[in-house]
Amino acid sequence: MTDLLHDHPSQLRPVRELFNLDVDMQVPVFEHRDEHVPDIDPNYCFNPDVTLAILAGFTRNRRVLLQGLHGTGKSTHIEQVAARLNWPCVRVNLDGHISRLDLVGKDTIVLEEGKQITRFQEGIVPWALRRPVALIFDEFDAGRPDVMFVIQRILEQDGKFTLLDQNQVITPNPHFRLFATANTVGLGNVTGLYHGTQQINQAQMDRWNIVAKLDYLPREDEISIIQGKVPRYNDARGFELISSMVAVAELTRAGFAAGDLSTLMSPRTLIAWAENTEIFGDAALAFRLSFLNKCDEAERPLVAEYYQRCFDQELVEPQALQLTAI
């Protein structure tokens, strides 16, 4: 694994050229791609406002928090911007098992010259602070309180990080960047949809310089992405099929917003539905296996009605298993 300690952006490129945005902004770009740089997805569609927010994070060292419903592609959006800047990225999922020691570091026993010795092993935060990487905290609103207060220490742009165990003060690399993604805006699990999230300390929320909201993509963009992921449907007939699938997804999102459904269809599920349709050769069967079976039983008739509206055919339930006495 190469080390990034001495790497830095070597050129400024116009945003208009890289992201086709009508703004007079230039963004720093690394010359070489490191193994930490995400792969470029040529089919990815950028949300203009969110792209500008992320670019401000990279260019002006702003702390950027992306909020949105599941499946809107928050982390992917940051990664795809970084991919075009050749900027190394590291993602950390703040699930309930991530502790303060995982982030800061801890003493570990290692074997050296045949003897067991105790050595301090740095966590991901001091490692990233020393390097020109974009650190992304996923599921930020699901982090444990002790973890959140560790992060609060690095939310200040020029804040130095103190390793108490090692009596060290780490000055962040000038090209260290910090991003986070969350389903809520720090208000906790209001609807019950995002069990495990919690309220975020408002002093910490106040330290995020930019909070951007990412919604689902427009219909044309979703169709284009799915056709890119499943090339078999990249023709007129496929367009009609994918268009109907996206129409079902839009109805589930409208139903969710109206309180009629507790589950909505994300772009990730849409892609899975298209892929499963290619496997089974049956859009209805693939729909049941990809989405319907995830829904509450009481809500399935309404979801089936959505399908009937968009495909103009009834969603036939599978035949119950007939048991006969021997």
C-alpha atoms as a PDB file:
ATOM      1  CA  MET A   1       0.000   0.000   0.000  1.00  0.00           C
ATOM      2  CA  THR A   2       1.439   3.385  -0.967  1.00  0.00           C
ATOM      3  CA  ASP A   3       1.574   6.188   1.542  1.00  0.00           C
ATOM      4  CA  LEU A   4       0.038   9.542   0.760  1.00  0.00           C
ATOM      5  CA  LEU A   5       1.985  11.624   3.254  1.00  0.00           C
ATOM      6  CA  HIS A   6       3.762  13.780   0.684  1.00  0.00           C
ATOM      7  CA  ASP A   7       1.154  13.840  -2.083  1.00  0.00           C
ATOM      8  CA  HIS A   8      -0.885  16.959  -2.821  1.00  0.00           C
ATOM      9  CA  PRO A   9      -3.095  18.415  -5.581  1.00  0.00           C
ATOM     10  CA  SER A  10      -0.858  19.647  -8.371  1.00  0.00           C
ATOM     11  CA  GLN A  11      -3.239  21.568 -10.612  1.00  0.00           C
ATOM     12  CA  LEU A  12      -6.450  23.581 -10.713  1.00  0.00           C
ATOM     13  CA  ARG A  13      -9.152  22.511 -13.167  1.00  0.00           C
ATOM     14  CA  PRO A  14     -12.330  24.423 -14.075  1.00  0.00           C
ATOM     15  CA  VAL A  15     -15.538  22.988 -12.611  1.00  0.00           C
ATOM     16  CA  ARG A  16     -17.256  23.816 -15.882  1.00  0.00           C
ATOM     17  CA  GLU A  17     -14.981  21.385 -17.668  1.00  0.00           C
ATOM     18  CA  LEU A  18     -15.074  18.560 -15.103  1.00  0.00           C
ATOM     19  CA  PHE A  19     -18.739  18.658 -14.058  1.00  0.00           C
ATOM     20  CA  ASN A  20     -20.426  20.703 -16.782  1.00  0.00           C
ATOM     21  CA  LEU A  21     -21.632  23.278 -14.239  1.00  0.00           C
ATOM     22  CA  ASP A  22     -22.025  26.900 -15.295  1.00  0.00           C
ATOM     23  CA  VAL A  23     -19.904  28.402 -12.517  1.00  0.00           C
ATOM     24  CA  ASP A  24     -16.537  30.144 -12.524  1.00  0.00           C
ATOM     25  CA  MET A  25     -14.845  27.907 -10.013  1.00  0.00           C
ATOM     26  CA  GLN A  26     -11.628  25.982 -10.159  1.00  0.00           C
ATOM     27  CA  VAL A  27     -11.003  22.907  -8.093  1.00  0.00           C
ATOM     28  CA  PRO A  28      -7.702  21.290  -7.049  1.00  0.00           C
ATOM     29  CA  VAL A  29      -6.946  17.973  -8.729  1.00  0.00           C
ATOM     30  CA  PHE A  30      -4.351  15.333  -7.947  1.00  0.00           C
ATOM     31  CA  GLU A  31      -2.167  14.305 -10.847  1.00  0.00           C
ATOM     32  CA  HIS A  32      -2.036  10.586 -10.052  1.00  0.00           C
ATOM     33  CA  ARG A  33      -4.733   8.144  -9.005  1.00  0.00           C
ATOM     34  CA  ASP A  34      -4.010   6.370  -5.726  1.00  0.00           C
ATOM     35  CA  GLU A  35      -5.529   3.042  -4.722  1.00  0.00           C
ATOM     36  CA  HIS A  36      -7.764   4.984  -2.304  1.00  0.00           C
ATOM     37  CA  VAL A  37      -9.299   6.989  -5.168  1.00  0.00           C
ATOM     38  CA  PRO A  38     -12.789   5.629  -6.032  1.00  0.00           C
ATOM     39  CA  ASP A  39     -13.418   4.266  -9.511  1.00  0.00           C
ATOM     40  CA  ILE A  40     -15.242   6.560 -11.928  1.00  0.00           C
ATOM     41  CA  ASP A  41     -18.794   5.505 -12.758  1.00  0.00           C
ATOM     42  CA  PRO A  42     -19.383   6.908 -16.264  1.00  0.00           C
ATOM     43  CA  ASN A  43     -23.164   6.538 -15.837  1.00  0.00           C
ATOM     44  CA  TYR A  44     -23.395   8.585 -12.671  1.00  0.00           C
ATOM     45  CA  CYS A  45     -25.631  11.679 -12.781  1.00  0.00           C
ATOM     46  CA  PHE A  46     -24.634  14.582 -10.550  1.00  0.00           C
ATOM     47  CA  ASN A  47     -27.071  16.765  -8.667  1.00  0.00           C
ATOM     48  CA  PRO A  48     -25.819  20.321  -9.463  1.00  0.00           C
ATOM     49  CA  ASP A  49     -26.471  21.909  -6.058  1.00  0.00           C
ATOM     50  CA  VAL A  50     -25.062  18.991  -4.097  1.00  0.00           C
ATOM     51  CA  THR A  51     -22.063  18.813  -6.422  1.00  0.00           C
ATOM     52  CA  LEU A  52     -21.302  22.478  -5.741  1.00  0.00           C
ATOM     53  CA  ALA A  53     -21.602  21.882  -1.994  1.00  0.00           C
ATOM     54  CA  ILE A  54     -19.156  18.970  -2.179  1.00  0.00           C
ATOM     55  CA  LEU A  55     -16.775  20.923  -4.401  1.00  0.00           C
ATOM     56  CA  ALA A  56     -16.802  23.732  -1.833  1.00  0.00           C
ATOM     57  CA  GLY A  57     -15.757  21.113   0.687  1.00  0.00           C
ATOM     58  CA  PHE A  58     -12.815  20.033  -1.439  1.00  0.00           C
ATOM     59  CA  THR A  59     -11.827  23.492  -2.649  1.00  0.00           C
ATOM     60  CA  ARG A  60     -12.343  25.657   0.448  1.00  0.00           C
ATOM     61  CA  ASN A  61     -12.018  22.999   3.144  1.00  0.00           C
ATOM     62  CA  ARG A  62     -15.637  23.262   4.264  1.00  0.00           C
ATOM     63  CA  ARG A  63     -17.140  20.554   6.477  1.00  0.00           C
ATOM     64  CA  VAL A  64     -20.036  19.153   4.425  1.00  0.00           C
ATOM     65  CA  LEU A  65     -22.930  17.045   5.750  1.00  0.00           C
ATOM     66  CA  LEU A  66     -25.219  15.387   3.175  1.00  0.00           C
ATOM     67  CA  GLN A  67     -28.703  14.470   4.330  1.00  0.00           C
ATOM     68  CA  GLY A  68     -31.231  12.399   2.429  1.00  0.00           C
ATOM     69  CA  LEU A  69     -33.430   9.324   2.430  1.00  0.00           C
ATOM     70  CA  HIS A  70     -31.814   5.935   2.015  1.00  0.00           C
ATOM     71  CA  GLY A  71     -30.758   5.027  -1.486  1.00  0.00           C
ATOM     72  CA  THR A  72     -30.351   8.570  -2.747  1.00  0.00           C
ATOM     73  CA  GLY A  73     -26.626   7.979  -3.229  1.00  0.00           C
ATOM     74  CA  LYS A  74     -25.168  10.398  -0.705  1.00  0.00           C
ATOM     75  CA  SER A  75     -21.838   8.658  -0.168  1.00  0.00           C
ATOM     76  CA  THR A  76     -21.608   7.706  -3.825  1.00  0.00           C
ATOM     77  CA  HIS A  77     -22.073  11.352  -4.765  1.00  0.00           C
ATOM     78  CA  ILE A  78     -19.059  12.368  -2.684  1.00  0.00           C
ATOM     79  CA  GLU A  79     -17.047   9.445  -4.043  1.00  0.00           C
ATOM     80  CA  GLN A  80     -17.842  10.245  -7.651  1.00  0.00           C
ATOM     81  CA  VAL A  81     -16.780  13.866  -7.170  1.00  0.00           C
ATOM     82  CA  ALA A  82     -13.557  12.654  -5.522  1.00  0.00           C
ATOM     83  CA  ALA A  83     -13.039  10.140  -8.337  1.00  0.00           C
ATOM     84  CA  ARG A  84     -12.908  12.951 -10.874  1.00  0.00           C
ATOM     85  CA  LEU A  85     -10.472  14.916  -8.719  1.00  0.00           C
ATOM     86  CA  ASN A  86      -8.252  11.858  -8.102  1.00  0.00           C
ATOM     87  CA  TRP A  87      -8.722  12.664  -4.408  1.00  0.00           C
ATOM     88  CA  PRO A  88      -8.177   9.678  -2.062  1.00  0.00           C
ATOM     89  CA  CYS A  89     -11.234   8.732   0.014  1.00  0.00           C
ATOM     90  CA  VAL A  90     -11.780   6.665   3.141  1.00  0.00           C
ATOM     91  CA  ARG A  91     -15.282   5.741   4.317  1.00  0.00           C
ATOM     92  CA  VAL A  92     -16.163   4.825   7.903  1.00  0.00           C
ATOM     93  CA  ASN A  93     -19.623   3.508   8.754  1.00  0.00           C
ATOM     94  CA  LEU A  94     -20.608   4.729  12.216  1.00  0.00           C
ATOM     95  CA  ASP A  95     -22.587   1.664  13.188  1.00  0.00           C
ATOM     96  CA  GLY A  96     -23.129   0.806  16.822  1.00  0.00           C
ATOM     97  CA  HIS A  97     -19.916  -1.217  16.979  1.00  0.00           C
ATOM     98  CA  ILE A  98     -17.545   1.645  16.129  1.00  0.00           C
ATOM     99  CA  SER A  99     -15.993   2.857  19.366  1.00  0.00           C
ATOM    100  CA  ARG A 100     -13.768   5.743  20.382  1.00  0.00           C
ATOM    101  CA  LEU A 101     -10.771   3.380  20.409  1.00  0.00           C
ATOM    102  CA  ASP A 102     -11.466   2.388  16.789  1.00  0.00           C
ATOM    103  CA  LEU A 103     -11.274   6.028  15.748  1.00  0.00           C
ATOM    104  CA  VAL A 104      -8.435   7.236  17.975  1.00  0.00           C
ATOM    105  CA  GLY A 105      -6.304   4.114  18.389  1.00  0.00           C
ATOM    106  CA  LYS A 106      -5.379   1.634  21.086  1.00  0.00           C
ATOM    107  CA  ASP A 107      -2.522  -0.368  22.516  1.00  0.00           C
ATOM    108  CA  THR A 108      -1.985  -3.688  20.765  1.00  0.00           C
ATOM    109  CA  ILE A 109       0.380  -6.580  21.421  1.00  0.00           C
ATOM    110  CA  VAL A 110       2.785  -7.228  18.549  1.00  0.00           C
ATOM    111  CA  LEU A 111       5.659  -9.644  18.027  1.00  0.00           C
ATOM    112  CA  GLU A 112       9.038  -7.972  17.544  1.00  0.00           C
ATOM    113  CA  GLU A 113      12.321  -9.895  17.423  1.00  0.00           C
ATOM    114  CA  GLY A 114      10.595 -12.874  18.954  1.00  0.00           C
ATOM    115  CA  LYS A 115       9.241 -10.891  21.892  1.00  0.00           C
ATOM    116  CA  GLN A 116       5.749  -9.695  22.602  1.00  0.00           C
ATOM    117  CA  ILE A 117       5.622  -5.947  23.111  1.00  0.00           C
ATOM    118  CA  THR A 118       2.833  -3.453  23.518  1.00  0.00           C
ATOM    119  CA  ARG A 119       2.568  -0.825  20.825  1.00  0.00           C
ATOM    120  CA  PHE A 120       0.062   1.939  20.187  1.00  0.00           C
ATOM    121  CA  GLN A 121      -1.786   1.480  16.917  1.00  0.00           C
ATOM    122  CA  GLU A 122      -3.327   4.629  15.504  1.00  0.00           C
ATOM    123  CA  GLY A 123      -7.001   4.675  14.606  1.00  0.00           C
ATOM    124  CA  ILE A 124      -8.482   5.948  11.375  1.00  0.00           C
ATOM    125  CA  VAL A 125      -8.825   9.575  12.556  1.00  0.00           C
ATOM    126  CA  PRO A 126      -5.130  10.327  13.265  1.00  0.00           C
ATOM    127  CA  TRP A 127      -4.182   8.297  10.167  1.00  0.00           C
ATOM    128  CA  ALA A 128      -6.459  10.386   7.963  1.00  0.00           C
ATOM    129  CA  LEU A 129      -5.560  13.704   9.604  1.00  0.00           C
ATOM    130  CA  ARG A 130      -1.934  13.259   8.598  1.00  0.00           C
ATOM    131  CA  ARG A 131      -2.793  12.603   4.952  1.00  0.00           C
ATOM    132  CA  PRO A 132      -4.502  14.376   2.025  1.00  0.00           C
ATOM    133  CA  VAL A 133      -7.634  12.219   2.110  1.00  0.00           C
ATOM    134  CA  ALA A 134     -11.349  12.849   2.226  1.00  0.00           C
ATOM    135  CA  LEU A 135     -12.710  11.125   5.334  1.00  0.00           C
ATOM    136  CA  ILE A 136     -16.410  10.258   4.969  1.00  0.00           C
ATOM    137  CA  PHE A 137     -18.489   9.279   7.995  1.00  0.00           C
ATOM    138  CA  ASP A 138     -21.496   7.275   6.790  1.00  0.00           C
ATOM    139  CA  GLU A 139     -24.622   6.948   8.952  1.00  0.00           C
ATOM    140  CA  PHE A 140     -23.405   9.920  10.948  1.00  0.00           C
ATOM    141  CA  ASP A 141     -26.624  10.123  12.956  1.00  0.00           C
ATOM    142  CA  ALA A 142     -26.208   6.531  14.155  1.00  0.00           C
ATOM    143  CA  GLY A 143     -22.871   7.116  15.894  1.00  0.00           C
ATOM    144  CA  ARG A 144     -22.478   6.503  19.612  1.00  0.00           C
ATOM    145  CA  PRO A 145     -22.154   9.611  21.853  1.00  0.00           C
ATOM    146  CA  ASP A 146     -18.528   8.859  22.788  1.00  0.00           C
ATOM    147  CA  VAL A 147     -17.692   8.576  19.087  1.00  0.00           C
ATOM    148  CA  MET A 148     -19.470  11.802  18.234  1.00  0.00           C
ATOM    149  CA  PHE A 149     -17.404  13.803  20.676  1.00  0.00           C
ATOM    150  CA  VAL A 150     -14.208  12.469  19.107  1.00  0.00           C
ATOM    151  CA  ILE A 151     -15.430  13.722  15.736  1.00  0.00           C
ATOM    152  CA  GLN A 152     -16.395  17.079  17.188  1.00  0.00           C
ATOM    153  CA  ARG A 153     -12.719  17.707  17.894  1.00  0.00           C
ATOM    154  CA  ILE A 154     -11.838  17.540  14.185  1.00  0.00           C
ATOM    155  CA  LEU A 155     -14.824  19.483  12.889  1.00  0.00           C
ATOM    156  CA  GLU A 156     -12.944  22.720  13.389  1.00  0.00           C
ATOM    157  CA  GLN A 157     -11.126  23.402  10.126  1.00  0.00           C
ATOM    158  CA  ASP A 158      -7.820  24.257  11.748  1.00  0.00           C
ATOM    159  CA  GLY A 159      -8.449  22.288  14.916  1.00  0.00           C
ATOM    160  CA  LYS A 160      -5.557  20.229  16.131  1.00  0.00           C
ATOM    161  CA  PHE A 161      -6.174  16.726  17.362  1.00  0.00           C
ATOM    162  CA  THR A 162      -4.574  15.632  20.624  1.00  0.00           C
ATOM    163  CA  LEU A 163      -3.621  12.007  21.112  1.00  0.00           C
ATOM    164  CA  LEU A 164      -3.782  11.880  24.885  1.00  0.00           C
ATOM    165  CA  ASP A 165      -2.391   8.340  25.097  1.00  0.00           C
ATOM    166  CA  GLN A 166       0.694   9.358  23.106  1.00  0.00           C
ATOM    167  CA  ASN A 167       1.009  12.945  24.288  1.00  0.00           C
ATOM    168  CA  GLN A 168       0.963  14.079  20.658  1.00  0.00           C
ATOM    169  CA  VAL A 169      -0.734  16.972  18.939  1.00  0.00           C
ATOM    170  CA  ILE A 170      -1.623  16.302  15.302  1.00  0.00           C
ATOM    171  CA  THR A 171      -1.906  19.231  12.932  1.00  0.00           C
ATOM    172  CA  PRO A 172      -4.221  18.231  10.057  1.00  0.00           C
ATOM    173  CA  ASN A 173      -2.739  17.895   6.599  1.00  0.00           C
ATOM    174  CA  PRO A 174      -3.722  21.021   4.577  1.00  0.00           C
ATOM    175  CA  HIS A 175      -5.558  18.749   2.134  1.00  0.00           C
ATOM    176  CA  PHE A 176      -7.459  16.680   4.693  1.00  0.00           C
ATOM    177  CA  ARG A 177     -11.208  16.950   4.079  1.00  0.00           C
ATOM    178  CA  LEU A 178     -14.180  15.827   6.163  1.00  0.00           C
ATOM    179  CA  PHE A 179     -17.643  14.783   4.957  1.00  0.00           C
ATOM    180  CA  ALA A 180     -20.568  12.937   6.505  1.00  0.00           C
ATOM    181  CA  THR A 181     -23.867  11.464   5.369  1.00  0.00           C
ATOM    182  CA  ALA A 182     -27.054  10.995   7.386  1.00  0.00           C
ATOM    183  CA  ASN A 183     -30.678  10.068   6.890  1.00  0.00           C
ATOM    184  CA  THR A 184     -31.860  12.695   9.371  1.00  0.00           C
ATOM    185  CA  VAL A 185     -30.720  16.227  10.114  1.00  0.00           C
ATOM    186  CA  GLY A 186     -29.796  15.474  13.676  1.00  0.00           C
ATOM    187  CA  LEU A 187     -33.337  15.242  14.981  1.00  0.00           C
ATOM    188  CA  GLY A 188     -33.343  11.512  15.563  1.00  0.00           C
ATOM    189  CA  ASN A 189     -35.762   8.813  14.523  1.00  0.00           C
ATOM    190  CA  VAL A 190     -38.971  10.845  14.239  1.00  0.00           C
ATOM    191  CA  THR A 191     -40.933   8.564  11.908  1.00  0.00           C
ATOM    192  CA  GLY A 192     -39.577   5.185  13.016  1.00  0.00           C
ATOM    193  CA  LEU A 193     -38.123   4.577   9.559  1.00  0.00           C
ATOM    194  CA  TYR A 194     -34.513   4.965  10.679  1.00  0.00           C
ATOM    195  CA  HIS A 195     -34.333   2.928  13.843  1.00  0.00           C
ATOM    196  CA  GLY A 196     -30.939   3.302  15.481  1.00  0.00           C
ATOM    197  CA  THR A 197     -30.430   6.948  14.653  1.00  0.00           C
ATOM    198  CA  GLN A 198     -30.381   9.515  17.413  1.00  0.00           C
ATOM    199  CA  GLN A 199     -30.421  13.205  18.034  1.00  0.00           C
ATOM    200  CA  ILE A 200     -27.150  14.971  17.325  1.00  0.00           C
ATOM    201  CA  ASN A 201     -25.715  17.473  19.740  1.00  0.00           C
ATOM    202  CA  GLN A 202     -26.602  20.882  18.329  1.00  0.00           C
ATOM    203  CA  ALA A 203     -23.152  22.229  19.177  1.00  0.00           C
ATOM    204  CA  GLN A 204     -21.818  19.602  16.813  1.00  0.00           C
ATOM    205  CA  MET A 205     -24.399  20.297  14.124  1.00  0.00           C
ATOM    206  CA  ASP A 206     -23.365  23.953  14.359  1.00  0.00           C
ATOM    207  CA  ARG A 207     -19.818  23.013  13.344  1.00  0.00           C
ATOM    208  CA  TRP A 208     -20.857  21.663   9.937  1.00  0.00           C
ATOM    209  CA  ASN A 209     -20.254  24.521   7.504  1.00  0.00           C
ATOM    210  CA  ILE A 210     -22.552  23.172   4.789  1.00  0.00           C
ATOM    211  CA  VAL A 211     -25.604  20.923   5.109  1.00  0.00           C
ATOM    212  CA  ALA A 212     -26.919  19.818   1.719  1.00  0.00           C
ATOM    213  CA  LYS A 213     -30.009  17.738   0.997  1.00  0.00           C
ATOM    214  CA  LEU A 214     -29.975  15.079  -1.687  1.00  0.00           C
ATOM    215  CA  ASP A 215     -33.278  13.881  -3.124  1.00  0.00           C
ATOM    216  CA  TYR A 216     -33.971  11.183  -5.645  1.00  0.00           C
ATOM    217  CA  LEU A 217     -32.885  11.924  -9.186  1.00  0.00           C
ATOM    218  CA  PRO A 218     -35.278  13.113 -11.924  1.00  0.00           C
ATOM    219  CA  ARG A 219     -37.005  10.335 -13.879  1.00  0.00           C
ATOM    220  CA  GLU A 220     -34.871  10.739 -17.002  1.00  0.00           C
ATOM    221  CA  ASP A 221     -31.672  10.441 -15.013  1.00  0.00           C
ATOM    222  CA  GLU A 222     -32.859   7.348 -13.129  1.00  0.00           C
ATOM    223  CA  ILE A 223     -33.838   5.671 -16.402  1.00  0.00           C
ATOM    224  CA  SER A 224     -30.461   6.518 -17.894  1.00  0.00           C
ATOM    225  CA  ILE A 225     -28.601   5.120 -14.879  1.00  0.00           C
ATOM    226  CA  ILE A 226     -30.572   1.857 -14.860  1.00  0.00           C
ATOM    227  CA  GLN A 227     -30.073   1.401 -18.592  1.00  0.00           C
ATOM    228  CA  GLY A 228     -26.375   1.967 -18.022  1.00  0.00           C
ATOM    229  CA  LYS A 229     -26.298  -0.664 -15.265  1.00  0.00           C
ATOM    230  CA  VAL A 230     -28.369  -3.188 -17.258  1.00  0.00           C
ATOM    231  CA  PRO A 231     -27.362  -2.660 -20.905  1.00  0.00           C
ATOM    232  CA  ARG A 232     -29.869  -5.265 -22.114  1.00  0.00           C
ATOM    233  CA  TYR A 233     -32.611  -2.674 -21.667  1.00  0.00           C
ATOM    234  CA  ASN A 234     -30.758   0.036 -23.521  1.00  0.00           C
ATOM    235  CA  ASP A 235     -33.246   0.154 -26.416  1.00  0.00           C
ATOM    236  CA  ALA A 236     -36.744   1.483 -27.058  1.00  0.00           C
ATOM    237  CA  ARG A 237     -38.490  -1.552 -25.567  1.00  0.00           C
ATOM    238  CA  GLY A 238     -36.178  -1.495 -22.570  1.00  0.00           C
ATOM    239  CA  PHE A 239     -36.827   2.219 -22.117  1.00  0.00           C
ATOM    240  CA  GLU A 240     -40.550   1.547 -21.886  1.00  0.00           C
ATOM    241  CA  LEU A 241     -40.025  -1.186 -19.295  1.00  0.00           C
ATOM    242  CA  ILE A 242     -37.600   0.866 -17.173  1.00  0.00           C
ATOM    243  CA  SER A 243     -39.866   3.899 -17.443  1.00  0.00           C
ATOM    244  CA  SER A 244     -42.734   1.863 -15.943  1.00  0.00           C
ATOM    245  CA  MET A 245     -40.446   0.627 -13.167  1.00  0.00           C
ATOM    246  CA  VAL A 246     -39.433   4.177 -12.297  1.00  0.00           C
ATOM    247  CA  ALA A 247     -43.102   5.184 -12.324  1.00  0.00           C
ATOM    248  CA  VAL A 248     -43.805   2.490  -9.684  1.00  0.00           C
ATOM    249  CA  ALA A 249     -40.877   3.790  -7.613  1.00  0.00           C
ATOM    250  CA  GLU A 250     -42.216   7.340  -7.828  1.00  0.00           C
ATOM    251  CA  LEU A 251     -45.633   6.174  -6.597  1.00  0.00           C
ATOM    252  CA  THR A 252     -44.053   4.410  -3.601  1.00  0.00           C
ATOM    253  CA  ARG A 253     -42.168   7.612  -2.750  1.00  0.00           C
ATOM    254  CA  ALA A 254     -45.354   9.681  -3.030  1.00  0.00           C
ATOM    255  CA  GLY A 255     -47.159   7.086  -0.891  1.00  0.00           C
ATOM    256  CA  PHE A 256     -44.395   7.264   1.685  1.00  0.00           C
ATOM    257  CA  ALA A 257     -44.545  11.066   1.766  1.00  0.00           C
ATOM    258  CA  ALA A 258     -48.326  10.910   2.249  1.00  0.00           C
ATOM    259  CA  GLY A 259     -48.015   8.395   5.071  1.00  0.00           C
ATOM    260  CA  ASP A 260     -49.669   5.577   3.127  1.00  0.00           C
ATOM    261  CA  LEU A 261     -46.524   3.421   2.989  1.00  0.00           C
ATOM    262  CA  SER A 262     -43.725   2.751   5.436  1.00  0.00           C
ATOM    263  CA  THR A 263     -41.332   1.539   2.728  1.00  0.00           C
ATOM    264  CA  LEU A 264     -40.235   3.250  -0.440  1.00  0.00           C
ATOM    265  CA  MET A 265     -38.283   2.096  -3.437  1.00  0.00           C
ATOM    266  CA  SER A 266     -34.748   3.439  -3.694  1.00  0.00           C
ATOM    267  CA  PRO A 267     -32.653   3.632  -6.887  1.00  0.00           C
ATOM    268  CA  ARG A 268     -30.646   0.717  -5.480  1.00  0.00           C
ATOM    269  CA  THR A 269     -33.806  -1.425  -5.391  1.00  0.00           C
ATOM    270  CA  LEU A 270     -34.762  -0.207  -8.863  1.00  0.00           C
ATOM    271  CA  ILE A 271     -31.455  -1.426 -10.245  1.00  0.00           C
ATOM    272  CA  ALA A 272     -31.879  -4.746  -8.406  1.00  0.00           C
ATOM    273  CA  TRP A 273     -35.386  -5.079  -9.893  1.00  0.00           C
ATOM    274  CA  ALA A 274     -34.040  -4.497 -13.414  1.00  0.00           C
ATOM    275  CA  GLU A 275     -31.207  -6.969 -12.857  1.00  0.00           C
ATOM    276  CA  ASN A 276     -33.588  -9.570 -11.430  1.00  0.00           C
ATOM    277  CA  THR A 277     -35.933  -9.050 -14.374  1.00  0.00           C
ATOM    278  CA  GLU A 278     -33.042  -9.878 -16.662  1.00  0.00           C
ATOM    279  CA  ILE A 279     -32.381 -13.044 -14.640  1.00  0.00           C
ATOM    280  CA  PHE A 280     -35.978 -14.291 -14.380  1.00  0.00           C
ATOM    281  CA  GLY A 281     -37.355 -12.829 -17.599  1.00  0.00           C
ATOM    282  CA  ASP A 282     -40.453 -11.740 -15.653  1.00  0.00           C
ATOM    283  CA  ALA A 283     -40.861  -8.181 -14.345  1.00  0.00           C
ATOM    284  CA  ALA A 284     -43.713  -9.145 -11.999  1.00  0.00           C
ATOM    285  CA  LEU A 285     -41.807 -11.998 -10.350  1.00  0.00           C
ATOM    286  CA  ALA A 286     -38.711  -9.811 -10.078  1.00  0.00           C
ATOM    287  CA  PHE A 287     -40.823  -7.051  -8.514  1.00  0.00           C
ATOM    288  CA  ARG A 288     -42.129  -9.399  -5.826  1.00  0.00           C
ATOM    289  CA  LEU A 289     -38.640 -10.698  -5.050  1.00  0.00           C
ATOM    290  CA  SER A 290     -36.935  -7.306  -5.199  1.00  0.00           C
ATOM    291  CA  PHE A 291     -39.393  -5.078  -3.370  1.00  0.00           C
ATOM    292  CA  LEU A 292     -42.883  -6.370  -2.566  1.00  0.00           C
ATOM    293  CA  ASN A 293     -41.673  -9.004  -0.106  1.00  0.00           C
ATOM    294  CA  LYS A 294     -39.905  -6.273   1.885  1.00  0.00           C
ATOM    295  CA  CYS A 295     -43.177  -4.431   2.469  1.00  0.00           C
ATOM    296  CA  ASP A 296     -45.568  -4.798   5.364  1.00  0.00           C
ATOM    297  CA  GLU A 297     -48.274  -7.335   4.503  1.00  0.00           C
ATOM    298  CA  ALA A 298     -51.011  -4.778   5.170  1.00  0.00           C
ATOM    299  CA  GLU A 299     -49.431  -2.434   2.604  1.00  0.00           C
ATOM    300  CA  ARG A 300     -48.869  -4.973  -0.164  1.00  0.00           C
ATOM    301  CA  PRO A 301     -52.295  -4.509  -1.826  1.00  0.00           C
ATOM    302  CA  LEU A 302     -51.554  -0.810  -2.234  1.00  0.00           C
ATOM    303  CA  VAL A 303     -48.112  -1.567  -3.689  1.00  0.00           C
ATOM    304  CA  ALA A 304     -49.713  -4.101  -6.038  1.00  0.00           C
ATOM    305  CA  GLU A 305     -52.129  -1.386  -7.123  1.00  0.00           C
ATOM    306  CA  TYR A 306     -49.178   0.880  -7.939  1.00  0.00           C
ATOM    307  CA  TYR A 307     -47.781  -1.908 -10.110  1.00  0.00           C
ATOM    308  CA  GLN A 308     -51.136  -2.381 -11.864  1.00  0.00           C
ATOM    309  CA  ARG A 309     -51.364   1.337 -12.614  1.00  0.00           C
ATOM    310  CA  CYS A 310     -47.921   1.494 -14.214  1.00  0.00           C
ATOM    311  CA  PHE A 311     -47.834  -1.869 -16.014  1.00  0.00           C
ATOM    312  CA  ASP A 312     -51.550  -2.127 -16.788  1.00  0.00           C
ATOM    313  CA  GLN A 313     -51.659  -5.673 -15.513  1.00  0.00           C
ATOM    314  CA  GLU A 314     -52.594  -7.283 -12.217  1.00  0.00           C
ATOM    315  CA  LEU A 315     -49.812  -8.451  -9.964  1.00  0.00           C
ATOM    316  CA  VAL A 316     -50.870 -12.071  -9.568  1.00  0.00           C
ATOM    317  CA  GLU A 317     -49.974 -13.611  -6.235  1.00  0.00           C
ATOM    318  CA  PRO A 318     -48.112 -16.936  -6.452  1.00  0.00           C
ATOM    319  CA  GLN A 319     -50.257 -19.997  -6.071  1.00  0.00           C
ATOM    320  CA  ALA A 320     -50.464 -21.238  -2.520  1.00  0.00           C
ATOM    321  CA  LEU A 321     -48.821 -24.583  -1.950  1.00  0.00           C
ATOM    322  CA  GLN A 322     -51.450 -27.256  -2.150  1.00  0.00           C
ATOM    323  CA  LEU A 323     -50.942 -29.997   0.400  1.00  0.00           C
ATOM    324  CA  THR A 324     -52.766 -33.236  -0.169  1.00  0.00           C
ATOM    325  CA  ALA A 325     -53.118 -36.023   2.306  1.00  0.00           C
ATOM    326  CA  ILE A 326     -51.403 -39.242   1.352  1.00  0.00           C
END
